[in-house]
Amino acid sequence: MTIQNLISWATPPLSPSDTVEHALGLLMEFRVRHLPVVDDTGTLVGLLSE
């Protein structure tokens, strides 16, 4: 098994321009503690944690 098999694409990523309110809403809606932050090209630029 590889990491790719464990990645869930059901949780939408954040963009650097998203608001904190939007991020908190996604954290609560999807019941997760971390969300990826990606730029316009889809490159991971950060990770937001609760």
PDB file of N, CA and C in Angstrom:
ATOM      1  N   MET A   1       0.843  -1.171   0.000  1.00  0.00           N
ATOM      2  CA  MET A   1       0.000   0.000   0.000  1.00  0.00           C
ATOM      3  C   MET A   1       0.896   1.245   0.000  1.00  0.00           C
ATOM      4  N   THR A   2       0.455   2.272  -0.712  1.00  0.00           N
ATOM      5  CA  THR A   2       1.196   3.526  -0.753  1.00  0.00           C
ATOM      6  C   THR A   2       0.361   4.646  -0.133  1.00  0.00           C
ATOM      7  N   ILE A   3       1.005   5.763   0.133  1.00  0.00           N
ATOM      8  CA  ILE A   3       0.311   6.917   0.707  1.00  0.00           C
ATOM      9  C   ILE A   3      -0.815   7.375  -0.200  1.00  0.00           C
ATOM     10  N   GLN A   4      -0.608   7.287  -1.500  1.00  0.00           N
ATOM     11  CA  GLN A   4      -1.635   7.718  -2.453  1.00  0.00           C
ATOM     12  C   GLN A   4      -2.952   6.983  -2.209  1.00  0.00           C
ATOM     13  N   ASN A   5      -2.893   5.736  -1.768  1.00  0.00           N
ATOM     14  CA  ASN A   5      -4.101   4.966  -1.488  1.00  0.00           C
ATOM     15  C   ASN A   5      -4.842   5.500  -0.265  1.00  0.00           C
ATOM     16  N   LEU A   6      -4.151   6.225   0.608  1.00  0.00           N
ATOM     17  CA  LEU A   6      -4.750   6.710   1.843  1.00  0.00           C
ATOM     18  C   LEU A   6      -5.289   8.137   1.743  1.00  0.00           C
ATOM     19  N   ILE A   7      -4.959   8.845   0.663  1.00  0.00           N
ATOM     20  CA  ILE A   7      -5.383  10.236   0.516  1.00  0.00           C
ATOM     21  C   ILE A   7      -6.874  10.295   0.212  1.00  0.00           C
ATOM     22  N   SER A   8      -7.571  11.133   0.961  1.00  0.00           N
ATOM     23  CA  SER A   8      -8.998  11.333   0.723  1.00  0.00           C
ATOM     24  C   SER A   8      -9.186  12.602  -0.098  1.00  0.00           C
ATOM     25  N   TRP A   9      -9.853  12.461  -1.231  1.00  0.00           N
ATOM     26  CA  TRP A   9     -10.118  13.614  -2.085  1.00  0.00           C
ATOM     27  C   TRP A   9     -11.494  14.197  -1.794  1.00  0.00           C
ATOM     28  N   ALA A  10     -12.189  13.677  -0.797  1.00  0.00           N
ATOM     29  CA  ALA A  10     -13.524  14.164  -0.461  1.00  0.00           C
ATOM     30  C   ALA A  10     -13.488  15.515   0.251  1.00  0.00           C
ATOM     31  N   THR A  11     -12.391  15.830   0.912  1.00  0.00           N
ATOM     32  CA  THR A  11     -12.258  17.096   1.630  1.00  0.00           C
ATOM     33  C   THR A  11     -11.631  18.127   0.701  1.00  0.00           C
ATOM     34  N   PRO A  12     -12.309  19.248   0.476  1.00  0.00           N
ATOM     35  CA  PRO A  12     -11.751  20.242  -0.436  1.00  0.00           C
ATOM     36  C   PRO A  12     -10.563  20.988   0.187  1.00  0.00           C
ATOM     37  N   PRO A  13      -9.568  21.317  -0.614  1.00  0.00           N
ATOM     38  CA  PRO A  13      -8.427  22.077  -0.085  1.00  0.00           C
ATOM     39  C   PRO A  13      -8.776  23.558   0.039  1.00  0.00           C
ATOM     40  N   LEU A  14      -8.008  24.261   0.830  1.00  0.00           N
ATOM     41  CA  LEU A  14      -8.139  25.705   0.966  1.00  0.00           C
ATOM     42  C   LEU A  14      -7.182  26.394   0.004  1.00  0.00           C
ATOM     43  N   SER A  15      -7.480  27.649  -0.311  1.00  0.00           N
ATOM     44  CA  SER A  15      -6.528  28.468  -1.050  1.00  0.00           C
ATOM     45  C   SER A  15      -6.000  29.520  -0.084  1.00  0.00           C
ATOM     46  N   PRO A  16      -4.844  30.093  -0.357  1.00  0.00           N
ATOM     47  CA  PRO A  16      -4.276  31.085   0.559  1.00  0.00           C
ATOM     48  C   PRO A  16      -5.176  32.301   0.786  1.00  0.00           C
ATOM     49  N   SER A  17      -6.087  32.575  -0.119  1.00  0.00           N
ATOM     50  CA  SER A  17      -6.963  33.740   0.013  1.00  0.00           C
ATOM     51  C   SER A  17      -8.264  33.444   0.751  1.00  0.00           C
ATOM     52  N   ASP A  18      -8.514  32.193   1.126  1.00  0.00           N
ATOM     53  CA  ASP A  18      -9.742  31.846   1.861  1.00  0.00           C
ATOM     54  C   ASP A  18      -9.741  32.489   3.245  1.00  0.00           C
ATOM     55  N   THR A  19     -10.934  32.761   3.747  1.00  0.00           N
ATOM     56  CA  THR A  19     -11.054  33.372   5.075  1.00  0.00           C
ATOM     57  C   THR A  19     -10.976  32.316   6.163  1.00  0.00           C
ATOM     58  N   VAL A  20     -10.697  32.779   7.364  1.00  0.00           N
ATOM     59  CA  VAL A  20     -10.665  31.885   8.524  1.00  0.00           C
ATOM     60  C   VAL A  20     -12.054  31.301   8.754  1.00  0.00           C
ATOM     61  N   GLU A  21     -13.082  32.088   8.549  1.00  0.00           N
ATOM     62  CA  GLU A  21     -14.450  31.601   8.735  1.00  0.00           C
ATOM     63  C   GLU A  21     -14.753  30.440   7.790  1.00  0.00           C
ATOM     64  N   HIS A  22     -14.293  30.572   6.542  1.00  0.00           N
ATOM     65  CA  HIS A  22     -14.494  29.499   5.564  1.00  0.00           C
ATOM     66  C   HIS A  22     -13.758  28.232   6.005  1.00  0.00           C
ATOM     67  N   ALA A  23     -12.523  28.408   6.439  1.00  0.00           N
ATOM     68  CA  ALA A  23     -11.720  27.264   6.890  1.00  0.00           C
ATOM     69  C   ALA A  23     -12.375  26.579   8.089  1.00  0.00           C
ATOM     70  N   LEU A  24     -12.821  27.358   9.061  1.00  0.00           N
ATOM     71  CA  LEU A  24     -13.480  26.763  10.235  1.00  0.00           C
ATOM     72  C   LEU A  24     -14.752  26.030   9.847  1.00  0.00           C
ATOM     73  N   GLY A  25     -15.489  26.587   8.898  1.00  0.00           N
ATOM     74  CA  GLY A  25     -16.693  25.919   8.421  1.00  0.00           C
ATOM     75  C   GLY A  25     -16.390  24.565   7.807  1.00  0.00           C
ATOM     76  N   LEU A  26     -15.329  24.496   7.004  1.00  0.00           N
ATOM     77  CA  LEU A  26     -14.949  23.217   6.397  1.00  0.00           C
ATOM     78  C   LEU A  26     -14.466  22.222   7.451  1.00  0.00           C
ATOM     79  N   LEU A  27     -13.697  22.695   8.418  1.00  0.00           N
ATOM     80  CA  LEU A  27     -13.223  21.807   9.484  1.00  0.00           C
ATOM     81  C   LEU A  27     -14.403  21.178  10.216  1.00  0.00           C
ATOM     82  N   MET A  28     -15.412  21.990  10.510  1.00  0.00           N
ATOM     83  CA  MET A  28     -16.589  21.463  11.225  1.00  0.00           C
ATOM     84  C   MET A  28     -17.455  20.591  10.319  1.00  0.00           C
ATOM     85  N   GLU A  29     -17.660  21.018   9.080  1.00  0.00           N
ATOM     86  CA  GLU A  29     -18.508  20.274   8.156  1.00  0.00           C
ATOM     87  C   GLU A  29     -17.966  18.879   7.866  1.00  0.00           C
ATOM     88  N   PHE A  30     -16.654  18.789   7.646  1.00  0.00           N
ATOM     89  CA  PHE A  30     -16.055  17.508   7.286  1.00  0.00           C
ATOM     90  C   PHE A  30     -15.492  16.753   8.484  1.00  0.00           C
ATOM     91  N   ARG A  31     -15.601  17.369   9.659  1.00  0.00           N
ATOM     92  CA  ARG A  31     -15.130  16.741  10.899  1.00  0.00           C
ATOM     93  C   ARG A  31     -13.683  16.264  10.794  1.00  0.00           C
ATOM     94  N   VAL A  32     -12.833  17.203  10.360  1.00  0.00           N
ATOM     95  CA  VAL A  32     -11.404  16.939  10.255  1.00  0.00           C
ATOM     96  C   VAL A  32     -10.657  17.973  11.088  1.00  0.00           C
ATOM     97  N   ARG A  33      -9.401  17.707  11.373  1.00  0.00           N
ATOM     98  CA  ARG A  33      -8.585  18.621  12.166  1.00  0.00           C
ATOM     99  C   ARG A  33      -7.529  19.339  11.344  1.00  0.00           C
ATOM    100  N   HIS A  34      -7.356  18.917  10.092  1.00  0.00           N
ATOM    101  CA  HIS A  34      -6.349  19.513   9.216  1.00  0.00           C
ATOM    102  C   HIS A  34      -6.922  19.665   7.810  1.00  0.00           C
ATOM    103  N   LEU A  35      -6.512  20.736   7.132  1.00  0.00           N
ATOM    104  CA  LEU A  35      -6.890  20.940   5.736  1.00  0.00           C
ATOM    105  C   LEU A  35      -5.655  21.388   4.956  1.00  0.00           C
ATOM    106  N   PRO A  36      -5.488  20.861   3.747  1.00  0.00           N
ATOM    107  CA  PRO A  36      -4.361  21.306   2.927  1.00  0.00           C
ATOM    108  C   PRO A  36      -4.659  22.688   2.336  1.00  0.00           C
ATOM    109  N   VAL A  37      -3.603  23.452   2.134  1.00  0.00           N
ATOM    110  CA  VAL A  37      -3.703  24.750   1.464  1.00  0.00           C
ATOM    111  C   VAL A  37      -2.906  24.622   0.170  1.00  0.00           C
ATOM    112  N   VAL A  38      -3.569  24.875  -0.952  1.00  0.00           N
ATOM    113  CA  VAL A  38      -2.913  24.742  -2.260  1.00  0.00           C
ATOM    114  C   VAL A  38      -2.998  26.053  -3.024  1.00  0.00           C
ATOM    115  N   ASP A  39      -2.007  26.290  -3.899  1.00  0.00           N
ATOM    116  CA  ASP A  39      -2.023  27.496  -4.722  1.00  0.00           C
ATOM    117  C   ASP A  39      -2.820  27.248  -5.996  1.00  0.00           C
ATOM    118  N   ASP A  40      -2.790  28.207  -6.919  1.00  0.00           N
ATOM    119  CA  ASP A  40      -3.572  28.122  -8.154  1.00  0.00           C
ATOM    120  C   ASP A  40      -3.177  26.961  -9.051  1.00  0.00           C
ATOM    121  N   THR A  41      -1.954  26.467  -8.883  1.00  0.00           N
ATOM    122  CA  THR A  41      -1.509  25.341  -9.714  1.00  0.00           C
ATOM    123  C   THR A  41      -1.758  23.994  -9.044  1.00  0.00           C
ATOM    124  N   GLY A  42      -2.325  24.015  -7.824  1.00  0.00           N
ATOM    125  CA  GLY A  42      -2.574  22.777  -7.112  1.00  0.00           C
ATOM    126  C   GLY A  42      -1.405  22.300  -6.277  1.00  0.00           C
ATOM    127  N   THR A  43      -0.382  23.118  -6.157  1.00  0.00           N
ATOM    128  CA  THR A  43       0.798  22.775  -5.369  1.00  0.00           C
ATOM    129  C   THR A  43       0.519  23.028  -3.890  1.00  0.00           C
ATOM    130  N   LEU A  44       0.853  22.071  -3.067  1.00  0.00           N
ATOM    131  CA  LEU A  44       0.673  22.215  -1.628  1.00  0.00           C
ATOM    132  C   LEU A  44       1.605  23.308  -1.112  1.00  0.00           C
ATOM    133  N   VAL A  45       0.997  24.313  -0.447  1.00  0.00           N
ATOM    134  CA  VAL A  45       1.806  25.399   0.093  1.00  0.00           C
ATOM    135  C   VAL A  45       1.716  25.480   1.605  1.00  0.00           C
ATOM    136  N   GLY A  46       0.842  24.665   2.199  1.00  0.00           N
ATOM    137  CA  GLY A  46       0.722  24.687   3.639  1.00  0.00           C
ATOM    138  C   GLY A  46      -0.321  23.696   4.126  1.00  0.00           C
ATOM    139  N   LEU A  47      -0.438  23.664   5.439  1.00  0.00           N
ATOM    140  CA  LEU A  47      -1.403  22.796   6.088  1.00  0.00           C
ATOM    141  C   LEU A  47      -1.992  23.562   7.259  1.00  0.00           C
ATOM    142  N   LEU A  48      -3.301  23.675   7.254  1.00  0.00           N
ATOM    143  CA  LEU A  48      -3.986  24.366   8.346  1.00  0.00           C
ATOM    144  C   LEU A  48      -4.437  23.328   9.349  1.00  0.00           C
ATOM    145  N   SER A  49      -4.128  23.568  10.608  1.00  0.00           N
ATOM    146  CA  SER A  49      -4.585  22.633  11.634  1.00  0.00           C
ATOM    147  C   SER A  49      -5.457  23.358  12.642  1.00  0.00           C
ATOM    148  N   GLU A  50      -6.331  22.619  13.231  1.00  0.00           N
ATOM    149  CA  GLU A  50      -7.258  23.152  14.219  1.00  0.00           C
ATOM    150  C   GLU A  50      -6.508  23.762  15.368  1.00  0.00           C
TER     151      GLU A  50
END
